[in-house]
């Protein structure tokens, strides 16, 4: 299926039952916000998010899910951290219509 190629690796990839979004988290920030794109080694691109919650017992992950669900207009129950639970680089799995998710994700990732 299609993906968002923003120079380098994909920021998100569509799957048969939804999408995977690649995120770089910054816990313990001053406010919860999506700050744009993060560019890492080897031209890796991820959606940069900041949350006020500390990286303690899943609090930051829960805040990231809440922030992304609100931004995408999706129920929190359709998002989950599928990789990177204890590190900054995370994969968020989204369950839903891939076409609708692609449109919503492009709204977050397009310049």
Protein backbone atom coordinates (compact mmCIF):
# COMPACT_ATOMS: atom_id res chain seq x y z
CA UNK A 1 0.00 0.00 0.00
CA UNK A 2 0.97 3.67 -0.09
CA UNK A 3 3.19 5.39 2.44
CA UNK A 4 4.34 8.89 3.26
CA UNK A 5 7.87 9.29 1.85
CA UNK A 6 9.21 12.52 3.23
CA UNK A 7 12.83 12.17 2.12
CA UNK A 8 14.22 9.14 3.80
CA UNK A 9 12.39 6.44 5.65
CA UNK A 10 8.62 6.49 5.91
CA UNK A 11 6.96 8.49 8.68
CA UNK A 12 4.03 6.09 8.42
CA UNK A 13 3.17 2.92 6.59
CA UNK A 14 -0.30 1.69 5.76
CA UNK A 15 -1.27 -1.87 6.60
CA UNK A 16 -4.27 -4.01 5.64
CA UNK A 17 -6.09 -3.06 8.85
CA UNK A 18 -4.70 0.41 9.58
CA UNK A 19 -1.28 2.01 9.76
CA UNK A 20 1.98 2.21 11.65
CA UNK A 21 3.26 5.64 12.66
CA UNK A 22 6.90 6.15 13.57
CA UNK A 23 7.37 8.64 16.41
CA UNK A 24 10.18 10.26 18.37
CA UNK A 25 8.99 11.04 21.88
CA UNK A 26 10.21 13.73 24.23
CA UNK A 27 8.70 13.06 27.69
CA UNK A 28 8.83 15.57 30.54
CA UNK A 29 8.26 18.53 28.23
CA UNK A 30 6.60 21.83 29.14
CA UNK A 31 3.43 20.96 27.19
CA UNK A 32 1.86 18.22 25.10
CA UNK A 33 2.34 18.93 21.41
CA UNK A 34 3.23 17.56 18.01
CA UNK A 35 6.27 19.54 16.95
CA UNK A 36 6.76 18.37 13.36
CA UNK A 37 9.28 16.03 11.84
CA UNK A 38 12.41 14.70 13.48
CA UNK A 39 15.33 13.73 11.29
CA UNK A 40 17.73 11.15 12.67
CA UNK A 41 20.65 9.11 11.46
CA UNK A 42 20.60 7.81 7.89
CA UNK A 43 17.89 10.37 7.00
CA UNK A 44 15.37 8.59 9.22
CA UNK A 45 12.17 10.64 9.62
CA UNK A 46 9.68 10.40 12.48
CA UNK A 47 6.85 12.49 13.83
CA UNK A 48 8.19 14.45 16.82
CA UNK A 49 5.92 14.61 19.86
CA UNK A 50 6.40 16.17 23.28
CA UNK A 51 4.41 15.21 26.36
CA UNK A 52 4.48 16.53 29.91
CA UNK A 53 4.19 13.05 31.42
CA UNK A 54 7.38 11.46 32.73
CA UNK A 55 8.78 8.26 31.23
CA UNK A 56 7.57 6.28 34.24
CA UNK A 57 5.36 3.19 34.25
CA UNK A 58 3.87 3.92 30.83
CA UNK A 59 2.69 7.45 31.67
CA UNK A 60 4.45 9.05 28.70
CA UNK A 61 3.18 6.36 26.33
CA UNK A 62 -0.40 6.92 27.51
CA UNK A 63 0.00 10.66 26.96
CA UNK A 64 1.39 10.10 23.46
CA UNK A 65 -1.58 7.88 22.59
CA UNK A 66 -4.00 10.50 23.95
CA UNK A 67 -2.29 13.32 22.02
CA UNK A 68 -2.19 11.40 18.74
CA UNK A 69 -5.77 10.14 19.07
CA UNK A 70 -7.00 13.69 19.55
CA UNK A 71 -4.94 15.01 16.61
CA UNK A 72 -6.19 12.22 14.34
CA UNK A 73 -9.79 12.31 15.55
CA UNK A 74 -9.57 8.63 16.43
CA UNK A 75 -10.60 6.71 19.56
CA UNK A 76 -7.66 6.07 21.93
CA UNK A 77 -8.56 2.37 21.84
CA UNK A 78 -7.49 2.20 18.18
CA UNK A 79 -3.90 3.27 18.91
CA UNK A 80 -1.18 1.35 20.72
CA UNK A 81 2.57 1.41 21.18
CA UNK A 82 3.71 -1.67 19.29
CA UNK A 83 7.46 -1.07 19.54
CA UNK A 84 9.72 1.10 21.66
CA UNK A 85 7.75 1.14 24.90
CA UNK A 86 10.81 2.13 26.94
CA UNK A 87 12.73 4.24 24.40
CA UNK A 88 12.18 7.52 22.55
CA UNK A 89 11.83 5.95 19.10
CA UNK A 90 8.40 4.32 18.98
CA UNK A 91 6.08 2.62 16.56
CA UNK A 92 2.41 3.41 17.05
CA UNK A 93 -0.07 0.98 15.54
CA UNK A 94 -3.39 2.42 14.41
CA UNK A 95 -6.38 0.21 13.65
CA UNK A 96 -8.97 1.50 11.18
CA UNK A 97 -9.68 2.25 7.55
CA UNK A 98 -6.29 2.68 5.85
CA UNK A 99 -7.65 5.28 3.40
CA UNK A 100 -9.07 7.48 6.17
CA UNK A 101 -5.94 7.01 8.29
CA UNK A 102 -3.70 7.97 5.39
CA UNK A 103 -5.57 11.24 4.98
CA UNK A 104 -5.41 12.00 8.71
CA UNK A 105 -1.72 11.06 8.95
CA UNK A 106 -0.83 13.19 5.94
CA UNK A 107 -2.45 16.10 7.76
CA UNK A 108 0.04 15.58 10.59
CA UNK A 109 3.12 14.91 8.48
CA UNK A 110 2.90 17.10 5.39
CA UNK A 111 4.72 20.40 5.51
